[in-house]
């Protein structure tokens, strides 16, 4: 099933909004998917797309410094956060 580019952009915006509100705390893919009511695999593809545009950063380690084998957490890059914060005012 193909979604329109307009809907895809709205979903990307929802992801960025959620990550902005939780900044600087990185969030798991599953939590992001739950918050925006979308499938985890679809959200992961979108997050990877945002990562390629350097809008989000993937965190592959736990807070204790242990590498995740199958999970990822995501957060906005510092540049994206500062630009987004300026747009809020």
PDB file of N, CA and C in Angstrom:
ATOM      1  N   UNK A   1       0.843  -1.173   0.000  1.00  0.00           N
ATOM      2  CA  UNK A   1       0.000   0.000   0.000  1.00  0.00           C
ATOM      3  C   UNK A   1       0.893   1.244   0.000  1.00  0.00           C
ATOM      4  N   UNK A   2       0.641   2.128  -0.895  1.00  0.00           N
ATOM      5  CA  UNK A   2       1.425   3.343  -1.061  1.00  0.00           C
ATOM      6  C   UNK A   2       0.674   4.508  -0.441  1.00  0.00           C
ATOM      7  N   UNK A   3       1.399   5.315   0.343  1.00  0.00           N
ATOM      8  CA  UNK A   3       0.768   6.513   0.884  1.00  0.00           C
ATOM      9  C   UNK A   3       1.267   7.727   0.102  1.00  0.00           C
ATOM     10  N   UNK A   4       0.489   8.753   0.108  1.00  0.00           N
ATOM     11  CA  UNK A   4       0.849   9.947  -0.656  1.00  0.00           C
ATOM     12  C   UNK A   4       2.023  10.663   0.005  1.00  0.00           C
ATOM     13  N   UNK A   5       2.722  11.449  -0.782  1.00  0.00           N
ATOM     14  CA  UNK A   5       3.847  12.217  -0.262  1.00  0.00           C
ATOM     15  C   UNK A   5       3.400  13.203   0.807  1.00  0.00           C
ATOM     16  N   UNK A   6       2.206  13.746   0.629  1.00  0.00           N
ATOM     17  CA  UNK A   6       1.667  14.707   1.597  1.00  0.00           C
ATOM     18  C   UNK A   6       1.461  14.041   2.961  1.00  0.00           C
ATOM     19  N   UNK A   7       0.882  12.835   2.954  1.00  0.00           N
ATOM     20  CA  UNK A   7       0.667  12.115   4.209  1.00  0.00           C
ATOM     21  C   UNK A   7       1.995  11.695   4.830  1.00  0.00           C
ATOM     22  N   UNK A   8       2.940  11.288   3.993  1.00  0.00           N
ATOM     23  CA  UNK A   8       4.260  10.888   4.474  1.00  0.00           C
ATOM     24  C   UNK A   8       4.941  12.067   5.179  1.00  0.00           C
ATOM     25  N   UNK A   9       4.826  13.265   4.608  1.00  0.00           N
ATOM     26  CA  UNK A   9       5.419  14.453   5.213  1.00  0.00           C
ATOM     27  C   UNK A   9       4.758  14.775   6.557  1.00  0.00           C
ATOM     28  N   UNK A  10       3.459  14.569   6.657  1.00  0.00           N
ATOM     29  CA  UNK A  10       2.754  14.809   7.914  1.00  0.00           C
ATOM     30  C   UNK A  10       3.234  13.836   8.995  1.00  0.00           C
ATOM     31  N   UNK A  11       3.450  12.584   8.610  1.00  0.00           N
ATOM     32  CA  UNK A  11       3.924  11.580   9.560  1.00  0.00           C
ATOM     33  C   UNK A  11       5.351  11.909   9.992  1.00  0.00           C
ATOM     34  N   UNK A  12       6.194  12.329   9.039  1.00  0.00           N
ATOM     35  CA  UNK A  12       7.554  12.744   9.381  1.00  0.00           C
ATOM     36  C   UNK A  12       7.519  13.915  10.364  1.00  0.00           C
ATOM     37  N   UNK A  13       6.602  14.828  10.141  1.00  0.00           N
ATOM     38  CA  UNK A  13       6.453  15.977  11.029  1.00  0.00           C
ATOM     39  C   UNK A  13       6.031  15.536  12.432  1.00  0.00           C
ATOM     40  N   UNK A  14       5.147  14.556  12.522  1.00  0.00           N
ATOM     41  CA  UNK A  14       4.726  14.027  13.821  1.00  0.00           C
ATOM     42  C   UNK A  14       5.910  13.419  14.564  1.00  0.00           C
ATOM     43  N   UNK A  15       6.767  12.710  13.842  1.00  0.00           N
ATOM     44  CA  UNK A  15       7.947  12.096  14.453  1.00  0.00           C
ATOM     45  C   UNK A  15       8.872  13.186  14.996  1.00  0.00           C
ATOM     46  N   UNK A  16       9.135  14.194  14.186  1.00  0.00           N
ATOM     47  CA  UNK A  16      10.014  15.286  14.608  1.00  0.00           C
ATOM     48  C   UNK A  16       9.407  16.023  15.799  1.00  0.00           C
ATOM     49  N   UNK A  17       8.104  16.250  15.784  1.00  0.00           N
ATOM     50  CA  UNK A  17       7.425  16.905  16.909  1.00  0.00           C
ATOM     51  C   UNK A  17       7.612  16.112  18.201  1.00  0.00           C
ATOM     52  N   UNK A  18       7.411  14.815  18.123  1.00  0.00           N
ATOM     53  CA  UNK A  18       7.553  13.968  19.303  1.00  0.00           C
ATOM     54  C   UNK A  18       8.989  13.998  19.825  1.00  0.00           C
ATOM     55  N   UNK A  19       9.961  13.889  18.915  1.00  0.00           N
ATOM     56  CA  UNK A  19      11.360  13.918  19.338  1.00  0.00           C
ATOM     57  C   UNK A  19      11.749  15.287  19.891  1.00  0.00           C
ATOM     58  N   UNK A  20      11.153  16.344  19.363  1.00  0.00           N
ATOM     59  CA  UNK A  20      11.411  17.686  19.887  1.00  0.00           C
ATOM     60  C   UNK A  20      10.921  17.793  21.328  1.00  0.00           C
ATOM     61  N   UNK A  21       9.722  17.296  21.586  1.00  0.00           N
ATOM     62  CA  UNK A  21       9.151  17.376  22.932  1.00  0.00           C
ATOM     63  C   UNK A  21       9.909  16.535  23.945  1.00  0.00           C
ATOM     64  N   UNK A  22      10.562  15.476  23.495  1.00  0.00           N
ATOM     65  CA  UNK A  22      11.297  14.610  24.414  1.00  0.00           C
ATOM     66  C   UNK A  22      12.796  14.908  24.441  1.00  0.00           C
ATOM     67  N   UNK A  23      13.246  15.923  23.686  1.00  0.00           N
ATOM     68  CA  UNK A  23      14.667  16.261  23.622  1.00  0.00           C
ATOM     69  C   UNK A  23      15.169  16.661  25.003  1.00  0.00           C
ATOM     70  N   UNK A  24      16.339  16.273  25.446  1.00  0.00           N
ATOM     71  CA  UNK A  24      17.411  15.559  24.761  1.00  0.00           C
ATOM     72  C   UNK A  24      17.358  14.045  24.942  1.00  0.00           C
ATOM     73  N   UNK A  25      16.293  13.552  25.554  1.00  0.00           N
ATOM     74  CA  UNK A  25      16.172  12.110  25.822  1.00  0.00           C
ATOM     75  C   UNK A  25      15.875  11.335  24.543  1.00  0.00           C
ATOM     76  N   UNK A  26      16.741  10.383  24.167  1.00  0.00           N
ATOM     77  CA  UNK A  26      16.446   9.565  22.981  1.00  0.00           C
ATOM     78  C   UNK A  26      15.307   8.589  23.265  1.00  0.00           C
ATOM     79  N   UNK A  27      14.532   8.275  22.249  1.00  0.00           N
ATOM     80  CA  UNK A  27      13.370   7.394  22.394  1.00  0.00           C
ATOM     81  C   UNK A  27      13.500   6.179  21.493  1.00  0.00           C
ATOM     82  N   UNK A  28      13.003   5.051  21.981  1.00  0.00           N
ATOM     83  CA  UNK A  28      13.020   3.821  21.192  1.00  0.00           C
ATOM     84  C   UNK A  28      12.041   3.922  20.024  1.00  0.00           C
ATOM     85  N   UNK A  29      12.352   3.207  18.959  1.00  0.00           N
ATOM     86  CA  UNK A  29      11.494   3.163  17.781  1.00  0.00           C
ATOM     87  C   UNK A  29      10.078   2.743  18.171  1.00  0.00           C
ATOM     88  N   UNK A  30       9.969   1.753  19.040  1.00  0.00           N
ATOM     89  CA  UNK A  30       8.651   1.240  19.435  1.00  0.00           C
ATOM     90  C   UNK A  30       7.814   2.315  20.130  1.00  0.00           C
ATOM     91  N   UNK A  31       8.432   3.141  20.967  1.00  0.00           N
ATOM     92  CA  UNK A  31       7.699   4.205  21.647  1.00  0.00           C
ATOM     93  C   UNK A  31       7.248   5.279  20.659  1.00  0.00           C
ATOM     94  N   UNK A  32       8.119   5.616  19.716  1.00  0.00           N
ATOM     95  CA  UNK A  32       7.755   6.603  18.697  1.00  0.00           C
ATOM     96  C   UNK A  32       6.568   6.087  17.888  1.00  0.00           C
ATOM     97  N   UNK A  33       6.632   4.825  17.476  1.00  0.00           N
ATOM     98  CA  UNK A  33       5.548   4.223  16.699  1.00  0.00           C
ATOM     99  C   UNK A  33       4.242   4.220  17.495  1.00  0.00           C
ATOM    100  N   UNK A  34       4.331   3.918  18.763  1.00  0.00           N
ATOM    101  CA  UNK A  34       3.144   3.898  19.624  1.00  0.00           C
ATOM    102  C   UNK A  34       2.554   5.307  19.749  1.00  0.00           C
ATOM    103  N   UNK A  35       3.396   6.304  19.934  1.00  0.00           N
ATOM    104  CA  UNK A  35       2.930   7.685  20.118  1.00  0.00           C
ATOM    105  C   UNK A  35       2.218   8.232  18.883  1.00  0.00           C
ATOM    106  N   UNK A  36       2.705   7.867  17.693  1.00  0.00           N
ATOM    107  CA  UNK A  36       2.072   8.396  16.477  1.00  0.00           C
ATOM    108  C   UNK A  36       1.135   7.381  15.834  1.00  0.00           C
ATOM    109  N   UNK A  37       0.908   6.259  16.523  1.00  0.00           N
ATOM    110  CA  UNK A  37      -0.039   5.217  16.091  1.00  0.00           C
ATOM    111  C   UNK A  37       0.279   4.691  14.695  1.00  0.00           C
ATOM    112  N   UNK A  38       1.521   4.270  14.508  1.00  0.00           N
ATOM    113  CA  UNK A  38       1.970   3.702  13.229  1.00  0.00           C
ATOM    114  C   UNK A  38       2.749   2.419  13.485  1.00  0.00           C
ATOM    115  N   UNK A  39       2.884   1.621  12.449  1.00  0.00           N
ATOM    116  CA  UNK A  39       3.626   0.371  12.494  1.00  0.00           C
ATOM    117  C   UNK A  39       5.109   0.639  12.741  1.00  0.00           C
ATOM    118  N   UNK A  40       5.746  -0.184  13.585  1.00  0.00           N
ATOM    119  CA  UNK A  40       7.160   0.019  13.922  1.00  0.00           C
ATOM    120  C   UNK A  40       8.087  -0.034  12.711  1.00  0.00           C
ATOM    121  N   UNK A  41       7.863  -0.977  11.816  1.00  0.00           N
ATOM    122  CA  UNK A  41       8.743  -1.095  10.644  1.00  0.00           C
ATOM    123  C   UNK A  41       8.623   0.133   9.742  1.00  0.00           C
ATOM    124  N   UNK A  42       7.424   0.642   9.602  1.00  0.00           N
ATOM    125  CA  UNK A  42       7.206   1.849   8.796  1.00  0.00           C
ATOM    126  C   UNK A  42       7.903   3.038   9.442  1.00  0.00           C
ATOM    127  N   UNK A  43       7.752   3.173  10.760  1.00  0.00           N
ATOM    128  CA  UNK A  43       8.391   4.276  11.488  1.00  0.00           C
ATOM    129  C   UNK A  43       9.904   4.158  11.389  1.00  0.00           C
ATOM    130  N   UNK A  44      10.423   2.938  11.468  1.00  0.00           N
ATOM    131  CA  UNK A  44      11.873   2.747  11.361  1.00  0.00           C
ATOM    132  C   UNK A  44      12.387   3.210   9.993  1.00  0.00           C
ATOM    133  N   UNK A  45      11.648   2.901   8.938  1.00  0.00           N
ATOM    134  CA  UNK A  45      12.039   3.363   7.598  1.00  0.00           C
ATOM    135  C   UNK A  45      12.056   4.880   7.526  1.00  0.00           C
ATOM    136  N   UNK A  46      11.053   5.510   8.127  1.00  0.00           N
ATOM    137  CA  UNK A  46      10.994   6.966   8.132  1.00  0.00           C
ATOM    138  C   UNK A  46      12.137   7.565   8.944  1.00  0.00           C
ATOM    139  N   UNK A  47      12.457   6.944  10.077  1.00  0.00           N
ATOM    140  CA  UNK A  47      13.565   7.423  10.900  1.00  0.00           C
ATOM    141  C   UNK A  47      14.899   7.306  10.163  1.00  0.00           C
ATOM    142  N   UNK A  48      15.072   6.227   9.434  1.00  0.00           N
ATOM    143  CA  UNK A  48      16.292   6.057   8.646  1.00  0.00           C
ATOM    144  C   UNK A  48      16.370   7.126   7.561  1.00  0.00           C
ATOM    145  N   UNK A  49      15.222   7.453   6.980  1.00  0.00           N
ATOM    146  CA  UNK A  49      15.164   8.535   5.995  1.00  0.00           C
ATOM    147  C   UNK A  49      15.549   9.872   6.630  1.00  0.00           C
ATOM    148  N   UNK A  50      15.030  10.151   7.824  1.00  0.00           N
ATOM    149  CA  UNK A  50      15.379  11.375   8.536  1.00  0.00           C
ATOM    150  C   UNK A  50      16.862  11.388   8.908  1.00  0.00           C
ATOM    151  N   UNK A  51      17.395  10.214   9.241  1.00  0.00           N
ATOM    152  CA  UNK A  51      18.819  10.107   9.572  1.00  0.00           C
ATOM    153  C   UNK A  51      19.680  10.436   8.356  1.00  0.00           C
ATOM    154  N   UNK A  52      19.278   9.971   7.184  1.00  0.00           N
ATOM    155  CA  UNK A  52      20.049  10.250   5.965  1.00  0.00           C
ATOM    156  C   UNK A  52      20.034  11.742   5.631  1.00  0.00           C
ATOM    157  N   UNK A  53      18.999  12.447   6.075  1.00  0.00           N
ATOM    158  CA  UNK A  53      18.912  13.897   5.877  1.00  0.00           C
ATOM    159  C   UNK A  53      19.579  14.662   7.020  1.00  0.00           C
ATOM    160  N   UNK A  54      20.171  13.911   7.964  1.00  0.00           N
ATOM    161  CA  UNK A  54      20.861  14.477   9.130  1.00  0.00           C
ATOM    162  C   UNK A  54      19.945  15.302  10.035  1.00  0.00           C
ATOM    163  N   UNK A  55      18.697  14.870  10.143  1.00  0.00           N
ATOM    164  CA  UNK A  55      17.742  15.536  11.026  1.00  0.00           C
ATOM    165  C   UNK A  55      17.640  14.836  12.378  1.00  0.00           C
ATOM    166  N   UNK A  56      17.867  13.527  12.383  1.00  0.00           N
ATOM    167  CA  UNK A  56      17.849  12.761  13.626  1.00  0.00           C
ATOM    168  C   UNK A  56      19.141  11.959  13.742  1.00  0.00           C
ATOM    169  N   UNK A  57      19.393  11.535  14.989  1.00  0.00           N
ATOM    170  CA  UNK A  57      20.589  10.761  15.267  1.00  0.00           C
ATOM    171  C   UNK A  57      20.164   9.444  15.905  1.00  0.00           C
ATOM    172  N   UNK A  58      20.783   8.355  15.461  1.00  0.00           N
ATOM    173  CA  UNK A  58      20.494   7.039  16.012  1.00  0.00           C
ATOM    174  C   UNK A  58      21.443   6.768  17.173  1.00  0.00           C
ATOM    175  N   UNK A  59      20.881   6.325  18.290  1.00  0.00           N
ATOM    176  CA  UNK A  59      21.672   5.994  19.476  1.00  0.00           C
ATOM    177  C   UNK A  59      21.660   4.481  19.601  1.00  0.00           C
ATOM    178  N   UNK A  60      22.850   3.875  19.479  1.00  0.00           N
ATOM    179  CA  UNK A  60      22.954   2.415  19.498  1.00  0.00           C
ATOM    180  C   UNK A  60      23.507   1.877  20.815  1.00  0.00           C
ATOM    181  N   UNK A  61      23.618   2.750  21.834  1.00  0.00           N
ATOM    182  CA  UNK A  61      24.130   2.323  23.134  1.00  0.00           C
ATOM    183  C   UNK A  61      23.155   2.689  24.238  1.00  0.00           C
ATOM    184  N   UNK A  62      23.157   1.870  25.269  1.00  0.00           N
ATOM    185  CA  UNK A  62      22.323   2.148  26.437  1.00  0.00           C
ATOM    186  C   UNK A  62      22.967   3.279  27.240  1.00  0.00           C
ATOM    187  N   UNK A  63      22.226   3.851  28.193  1.00  0.00           N
ATOM    188  CA  UNK A  63      22.823   4.896  29.038  1.00  0.00           C
ATOM    189  C   UNK A  63      24.072   4.414  29.794  1.00  0.00           C
ATOM    190  N   UNK A  64      24.187   3.109  29.986  1.00  0.00           N
ATOM    191  CA  UNK A  64      25.356   2.543  30.665  1.00  0.00           C
ATOM    192  C   UNK A  64      26.510   2.272  29.701  1.00  0.00           C
ATOM    193  N   UNK A  65      26.316   2.574  28.412  1.00  0.00           N
ATOM    194  CA  UNK A  65      27.382   2.396  27.431  1.00  0.00           C
ATOM    195  C   UNK A  65      27.431   1.023  26.777  1.00  0.00           C
ATOM    196  N   UNK A  66      26.414   0.218  27.015  1.00  0.00           N
ATOM    197  CA  UNK A  66      26.362  -1.126  26.436  1.00  0.00           C
ATOM    198  C   UNK A  66      25.699  -1.042  25.065  1.00  0.00           C
ATOM    199  N   UNK A  67      26.319  -1.680  24.063  1.00  0.00           N
ATOM    200  CA  UNK A  67      25.767  -1.664  22.705  1.00  0.00           C
ATOM    201  C   UNK A  67      24.454  -2.431  22.637  1.00  0.00           C
ATOM    202  N   UNK A  68      23.462  -1.828  21.962  1.00  0.00           N
ATOM    203  CA  UNK A  68      22.219  -2.542  21.672  1.00  0.00           C
ATOM    204  C   UNK A  68      22.479  -3.452  20.495  1.00  0.00           C
ATOM    205  N   UNK A  69      21.972  -4.672  20.565  1.00  0.00           N
ATOM    206  CA  UNK A  69      22.143  -5.605  19.464  1.00  0.00           C
ATOM    207  C   UNK A  69      21.022  -5.478  18.445  1.00  0.00           C
ATOM    208  N   UNK A  70      19.795  -5.253  18.919  1.00  0.00           N
ATOM    209  CA  UNK A  70      18.652  -5.247  18.005  1.00  0.00           C
ATOM    210  C   UNK A  70      17.762  -4.018  18.150  1.00  0.00           C
ATOM    211  N   UNK A  71      18.138  -3.089  18.979  1.00  0.00           N
ATOM    212  CA  UNK A  71      17.281  -1.935  19.237  1.00  0.00           C
ATOM    213  C   UNK A  71      18.012  -0.652  18.886  1.00  0.00           C
ATOM    214  N   UNK A  72      17.254   0.388  18.715  1.00  0.00           N
ATOM    215  CA  UNK A  72      17.818   1.718  18.491  1.00  0.00           C
ATOM    216  C   UNK A  72      16.966   2.744  19.202  1.00  0.00           C
ATOM    217  N   UNK A  73      17.624   3.782  19.670  1.00  0.00           N
ATOM    218  CA  UNK A  73      16.908   4.937  20.193  1.00  0.00           C
ATOM    219  C   UNK A  73      17.224   6.085  19.248  1.00  0.00           C
ATOM    220  N   UNK A  74      16.337   7.063  19.227  1.00  0.00           N
ATOM    221  CA  UNK A  74      16.458   8.174  18.277  1.00  0.00           C
ATOM    222  C   UNK A  74      16.271   9.495  18.988  1.00  0.00           C
ATOM    223  N   UNK A  75      17.005  10.501  18.521  1.00  0.00           N
ATOM    224  CA  UNK A  75      16.832  11.862  19.018  1.00  0.00           C
ATOM    225  C   UNK A  75      17.142  12.836  17.905  1.00  0.00           C
ATOM    226  N   UNK A  76      16.659  14.065  18.057  1.00  0.00           N
ATOM    227  CA  UNK A  76      16.974  15.097  17.082  1.00  0.00           C
ATOM    228  C   UNK A  76      18.454  15.452  17.195  1.00  0.00           C
ATOM    229  N   UNK A  77      19.052  15.830  16.077  1.00  0.00           N
ATOM    230  CA  UNK A  77      20.408  16.349  16.151  1.00  0.00           C
ATOM    231  C   UNK A  77      20.332  17.711  16.842  1.00  0.00           C
ATOM    232  N   UNK A  78      21.435  18.153  17.389  1.00  0.00           N
ATOM    233  CA  UNK A  78      21.452  19.450  18.069  1.00  0.00           C
ATOM    234  C   UNK A  78      21.075  20.579  17.118  1.00  0.00           C
ATOM    235  N   UNK A  79      21.541  20.486  15.869  1.00  0.00           N
ATOM    236  CA  UNK A  79      21.226  21.520  14.876  1.00  0.00           C
ATOM    237  C   UNK A  79      19.730  21.561  14.577  1.00  0.00           C
ATOM    238  N   UNK A  80      19.141  20.387  14.401  1.00  0.00           N
ATOM    239  CA  UNK A  80      17.707  20.316  14.122  1.00  0.00           C
ATOM    240  C   UNK A  80      16.913  20.876  15.296  1.00  0.00           C
ATOM    241  N   UNK A  81      17.322  20.526  16.510  1.00  0.00           N
ATOM    242  CA  UNK A  81      16.622  21.014  17.703  1.00  0.00           C
ATOM    243  C   UNK A  81      16.669  22.533  17.773  1.00  0.00           C
ATOM    244  N   UNK A  82      17.854  23.113  17.560  1.00  0.00           N
ATOM    245  CA  UNK A  82      17.964  24.575  17.667  1.00  0.00           C
ATOM    246  C   UNK A  82      17.148  25.292  16.582  1.00  0.00           C
ATOM    247  N   UNK A  83      17.135  24.754  15.374  1.00  0.00           N
ATOM    248  CA  UNK A  83      16.337  25.346  14.290  1.00  0.00           C
ATOM    249  C   UNK A  83      14.846  25.218  14.616  1.00  0.00           C
ATOM    250  N   UNK A  84      14.437  24.048  15.081  1.00  0.00           N
ATOM    251  CA  UNK A  84      13.041  23.799  15.395  1.00  0.00           C
ATOM    252  C   UNK A  84      12.595  24.688  16.572  1.00  0.00           C
ATOM    253  N   UNK A  85      13.494  24.871  17.552  1.00  0.00           N
ATOM    254  CA  UNK A  85      13.162  25.707  18.713  1.00  0.00           C
ATOM    255  C   UNK A  85      12.968  27.158  18.286  1.00  0.00           C
ATOM    256  N   UNK A  86      13.802  27.658  17.374  1.00  0.00           N
ATOM    257  CA  UNK A  86      13.646  29.028  16.873  1.00  0.00           C
ATOM    258  C   UNK A  86      12.308  29.197  16.161  1.00  0.00           C
ATOM    259  N   UNK A  87      11.879  28.158  15.458  1.00  0.00           N
ATOM    260  CA  UNK A  87      10.608  28.210  14.737  1.00  0.00           C
ATOM    261  C   UNK A  87       9.401  28.209  15.662  1.00  0.00           C
ATOM    262  N   UNK A  88       9.587  27.746  16.882  1.00  0.00           N
ATOM    263  CA  UNK A  88       8.490  27.697  17.853  1.00  0.00           C
ATOM    264  C   UNK A  88       8.194  29.068  18.455  1.00  0.00           C
ATOM    265  N   UNK A  89       9.156  29.979  18.413  1.00  0.00           N
ATOM    266  CA  UNK A  89       8.985  31.302  19.032  1.00  0.00           C
ATOM    267  C   UNK A  89       8.522  32.321  18.060  1.00  0.00           C
TER     268      UNK A  89
END
